[in-house]
Amino acid sequence: MTQSINSPLLSRQRISVGTEGELVTLTVGNSTLKMPYETAIQLSQWLRVRGKEAKRRAGDVSRHWSAVAVLDGLKG
C-alpha cells in the first residue's frame, strides 16, 4: 500500500507498507522501518485508538457500518 500525505502539519511524503518474510516494512520518505509482525499489529492498534480519539475530539461522531444483516429465510 502506498499513499501520499498532504497536511499543513507535515510536508508531503511518500508512505508505503510492505512485507519481507516475517517482517513488516514501513517507509516514510527515504526512511524505512522494519519490524516483526507482532509490533506492526500493536502499532496499528495504537494508531486506530488514537485516530478514533482525535476524530471524537474534532467533533466527528459519524459511524461507518461495514456489516449487513444476515438474510436467513428471505422468500424470493
N, C-alpha and C. Protein backbone atom coordinates (compact mmCIF):
# COMPACT_ATOMS: atom_id res chain seq x y z
N MET A 1 0.84 -1.16 0.00
CA MET A 1 0.00 0.00 0.00
C MET A 1 0.90 1.23 0.00
N THR A 2 0.65 2.17 -0.89
CA THR A 2 1.40 3.41 -0.96
C THR A 2 0.43 4.57 -0.95
N GLN A 3 0.78 5.61 -0.20
CA GLN A 3 -0.10 6.77 -0.09
C GLN A 3 0.75 8.00 0.12
N SER A 4 0.24 9.14 -0.33
CA SER A 4 0.90 10.42 -0.06
C SER A 4 0.09 11.18 0.95
N ILE A 5 0.77 11.87 1.84
CA ILE A 5 0.10 12.68 2.86
C ILE A 5 0.36 14.14 2.54
N ASN A 6 -0.70 14.92 2.52
CA ASN A 6 -0.58 16.35 2.31
C ASN A 6 -1.33 17.03 3.45
N SER A 7 -0.62 17.49 4.43
CA SER A 7 -1.21 18.09 5.62
C SER A 7 -0.43 19.34 5.97
N PRO A 8 -1.11 20.36 6.54
CA PRO A 8 -0.38 21.55 6.95
C PRO A 8 0.66 21.26 8.04
N LEU A 9 0.50 20.15 8.77
CA LEU A 9 1.45 19.81 9.82
C LEU A 9 2.65 19.02 9.30
N LEU A 10 2.50 18.42 8.14
CA LEU A 10 3.55 17.58 7.58
C LEU A 10 3.89 18.03 6.18
N SER A 11 5.14 17.83 5.80
CA SER A 11 5.47 18.04 4.39
C SER A 11 5.02 16.80 3.63
N ARG A 12 4.76 16.94 2.35
CA ARG A 12 4.27 15.83 1.55
C ARG A 12 5.34 14.74 1.51
N GLN A 13 4.95 13.53 1.92
CA GLN A 13 5.87 12.40 1.97
C GLN A 13 5.23 11.18 1.33
N ARG A 14 6.04 10.37 0.73
CA ARG A 14 5.58 9.09 0.21
C ARG A 14 5.59 8.10 1.36
N ILE A 15 4.48 7.39 1.55
CA ILE A 15 4.38 6.39 2.62
C ILE A 15 3.99 5.06 1.98
N SER A 16 4.70 4.00 2.37
CA SER A 16 4.32 2.68 1.88
C SER A 16 4.53 1.65 2.98
N VAL A 17 3.75 0.57 2.88
CA VAL A 17 3.85 -0.54 3.83
C VAL A 17 3.96 -1.81 3.03
N GLY A 18 4.86 -2.67 3.43
CA GLY A 18 5.05 -3.93 2.73
C GLY A 18 5.53 -5.01 3.68
N THR A 19 5.87 -6.16 3.13
CA THR A 19 6.39 -7.25 3.94
C THR A 19 7.68 -7.79 3.33
N GLU A 20 8.53 -8.28 4.19
CA GLU A 20 9.75 -9.01 3.80
C GLU A 20 9.81 -10.23 4.70
N GLY A 21 9.29 -11.34 4.22
CA GLY A 21 9.23 -12.54 5.06
C GLY A 21 8.30 -12.30 6.23
N GLU A 22 8.81 -12.46 7.45
CA GLU A 22 8.00 -12.26 8.66
C GLU A 22 8.06 -10.82 9.16
N LEU A 23 8.75 -9.93 8.44
CA LEU A 23 8.87 -8.54 8.86
C LEU A 23 7.90 -7.66 8.08
N VAL A 24 7.44 -6.60 8.72
CA VAL A 24 6.62 -5.59 8.06
C VAL A 24 7.51 -4.37 7.86
N THR A 25 7.49 -3.80 6.66
CA THR A 25 8.30 -2.61 6.39
C THR A 25 7.39 -1.39 6.25
N LEU A 26 7.76 -0.32 6.91
CA LEU A 26 7.06 0.95 6.84
C LEU A 26 8.05 1.98 6.32
N THR A 27 7.75 2.56 5.17
CA THR A 27 8.64 3.55 4.56
C THR A 27 7.94 4.90 4.54
N VAL A 28 8.60 5.90 5.10
CA VAL A 28 8.12 7.29 5.07
C VAL A 28 9.24 8.11 4.46
N GLY A 29 8.98 8.66 3.28
CA GLY A 29 10.03 9.39 2.58
C GLY A 29 11.18 8.46 2.26
N ASN A 30 12.38 8.79 2.73
CA ASN A 30 13.57 7.97 2.47
C ASN A 30 13.92 7.06 3.64
N SER A 31 13.09 7.04 4.68
CA SER A 31 13.37 6.23 5.86
C SER A 31 12.50 4.98 5.87
N THR A 32 13.11 3.84 6.16
CA THR A 32 12.38 2.57 6.23
C THR A 32 12.59 1.95 7.60
N LEU A 33 11.48 1.52 8.19
CA LEU A 33 11.49 0.82 9.47
C LEU A 33 11.02 -0.60 9.23
N LYS A 34 11.80 -1.57 9.70
CA LYS A 34 11.41 -2.97 9.60
C LYS A 34 11.11 -3.46 11.01
N MET A 35 9.95 -4.14 11.14
CA MET A 35 9.55 -4.59 12.47
C MET A 35 8.89 -5.96 12.37
N PRO A 36 8.95 -6.73 13.47
CA PRO A 36 8.23 -8.00 13.49
C PRO A 36 6.73 -7.76 13.35
N TYR A 37 6.01 -8.73 12.82
CA TYR A 37 4.58 -8.54 12.59
C TYR A 37 3.82 -8.25 13.89
N GLU A 38 4.29 -8.79 15.02
CA GLU A 38 3.62 -8.52 16.29
C GLU A 38 3.68 -7.03 16.62
N THR A 39 4.82 -6.42 16.38
CA THR A 39 5.00 -4.98 16.63
C THR A 39 4.12 -4.16 15.68
N ALA A 40 4.02 -4.60 14.43
CA ALA A 40 3.18 -3.89 13.45
C ALA A 40 1.72 -3.93 13.88
N ILE A 41 1.26 -5.07 14.38
CA ILE A 41 -0.12 -5.19 14.84
C ILE A 41 -0.35 -4.27 16.04
N GLN A 42 0.59 -4.23 16.98
CA GLN A 42 0.46 -3.34 18.14
C GLN A 42 0.45 -1.88 17.71
N LEU A 43 1.32 -1.51 16.79
CA LEU A 43 1.37 -0.14 16.28
C LEU A 43 0.05 0.23 15.61
N SER A 44 -0.50 -0.69 14.81
CA SER A 44 -1.77 -0.40 14.13
C SER A 44 -2.90 -0.19 15.13
N GLN A 45 -2.89 -0.95 16.22
CA GLN A 45 -3.92 -0.78 17.25
C GLN A 45 -3.78 0.58 17.94
N TRP A 46 -2.55 0.97 18.25
CA TRP A 46 -2.32 2.29 18.87
C TRP A 46 -2.81 3.41 17.95
N LEU A 47 -2.47 3.31 16.66
CA LEU A 47 -2.89 4.34 15.71
C LEU A 47 -4.41 4.40 15.58
N ARG A 48 -5.06 3.24 15.56
CA ARG A 48 -6.52 3.21 15.43
C ARG A 48 -7.18 3.85 16.65
N VAL A 49 -6.71 3.51 17.85
CA VAL A 49 -7.28 4.07 19.07
C VAL A 49 -7.08 5.58 19.11
N ARG A 50 -5.88 6.06 18.82
CA ARG A 50 -5.61 7.50 18.85
C ARG A 50 -6.32 8.23 17.72
N GLY A 51 -6.49 7.57 16.57
CA GLY A 51 -7.25 8.16 15.48
C GLY A 51 -8.71 8.36 15.86
N LYS A 52 -9.31 7.36 16.52
CA LYS A 52 -10.69 7.48 16.98
C LYS A 52 -10.82 8.60 18.01
N GLU A 53 -9.84 8.69 18.89
CA GLU A 53 -9.84 9.75 19.91
C GLU A 53 -9.78 11.13 19.25
N ALA A 54 -8.90 11.29 18.28
CA ALA A 54 -8.77 12.58 17.58
C ALA A 54 -10.05 12.91 16.82
N LYS A 55 -10.67 11.90 16.21
CA LYS A 55 -11.93 12.10 15.47
C LYS A 55 -13.01 12.60 16.41
N ARG A 56 -13.10 11.97 17.59
CA ARG A 56 -14.09 12.39 18.59
C ARG A 56 -13.85 13.81 19.06
N ARG A 57 -12.59 14.14 19.32
CA ARG A 57 -12.25 15.49 19.77
C ARG A 57 -12.51 16.54 18.69
N ALA A 58 -12.46 16.13 17.43
CA ALA A 58 -12.74 17.04 16.33
C ALA A 58 -14.25 17.22 16.13
N GLY A 59 -15.05 16.47 16.90
CA GLY A 59 -16.49 16.61 16.80
C GLY A 59 -17.14 15.73 15.76
N ASP A 60 -16.39 14.82 15.16
CA ASP A 60 -16.93 13.92 14.15
C ASP A 60 -17.45 12.68 14.85
N VAL A 61 -18.76 12.55 14.94
CA VAL A 61 -19.36 11.41 15.62
C VAL A 61 -20.00 10.44 14.63
N SER A 62 -19.71 10.61 13.33
CA SER A 62 -20.27 9.70 12.32
C SER A 62 -19.71 8.30 12.52
N ARG A 63 -20.49 7.33 12.13
CA ARG A 63 -20.07 5.93 12.23
C ARG A 63 -20.08 5.31 10.85
N HIS A 64 -19.19 4.38 10.66
CA HIS A 64 -19.12 3.66 9.39
C HIS A 64 -19.50 2.21 9.67
N TRP A 65 -20.55 1.75 9.05
CA TRP A 65 -21.00 0.37 9.23
C TRP A 65 -20.53 -0.46 8.05
N SER A 66 -19.87 -1.55 8.33
CA SER A 66 -19.40 -2.41 7.26
C SER A 66 -20.12 -3.76 7.26
N ALA A 67 -20.99 -4.00 8.25
CA ALA A 67 -21.72 -5.27 8.32
C ALA A 67 -23.14 -5.08 7.83
N VAL A 68 -23.65 -6.10 7.22
CA VAL A 68 -25.03 -6.09 6.73
C VAL A 68 -25.75 -7.25 7.39
N ALA A 69 -27.01 -7.09 7.70
CA ALA A 69 -27.79 -8.13 8.38
C ALA A 69 -27.79 -9.42 7.57
N VAL A 70 -27.84 -10.52 8.28
CA VAL A 70 -27.95 -11.83 7.64
C VAL A 70 -29.40 -12.00 7.22
N LEU A 71 -29.62 -12.42 5.99
CA LEU A 71 -30.97 -12.52 5.45
C LEU A 71 -31.42 -13.98 5.36
N ASP A 72 -31.46 -14.66 6.50
CA ASP A 72 -31.94 -16.04 6.54
C ASP A 72 -33.47 -16.06 6.37
N GLY A 73 -33.96 -17.03 5.64
CA GLY A 73 -35.39 -17.22 5.49
C GLY A 73 -36.06 -16.20 4.59
N LEU A 74 -35.30 -15.48 3.80
CA LEU A 74 -35.87 -14.50 2.89
C LEU A 74 -36.54 -15.20 1.73
N LYS A 75 -37.81 -14.89 1.49
CA LYS A 75 -38.54 -15.54 0.39
C LYS A 75 -38.36 -14.71 -0.88
N GLY A 76 -38.11 -15.38 -1.97
CA GLY A 76 -37.85 -14.69 -3.23
C GLY A 76 -38.91 -14.75 -4.24
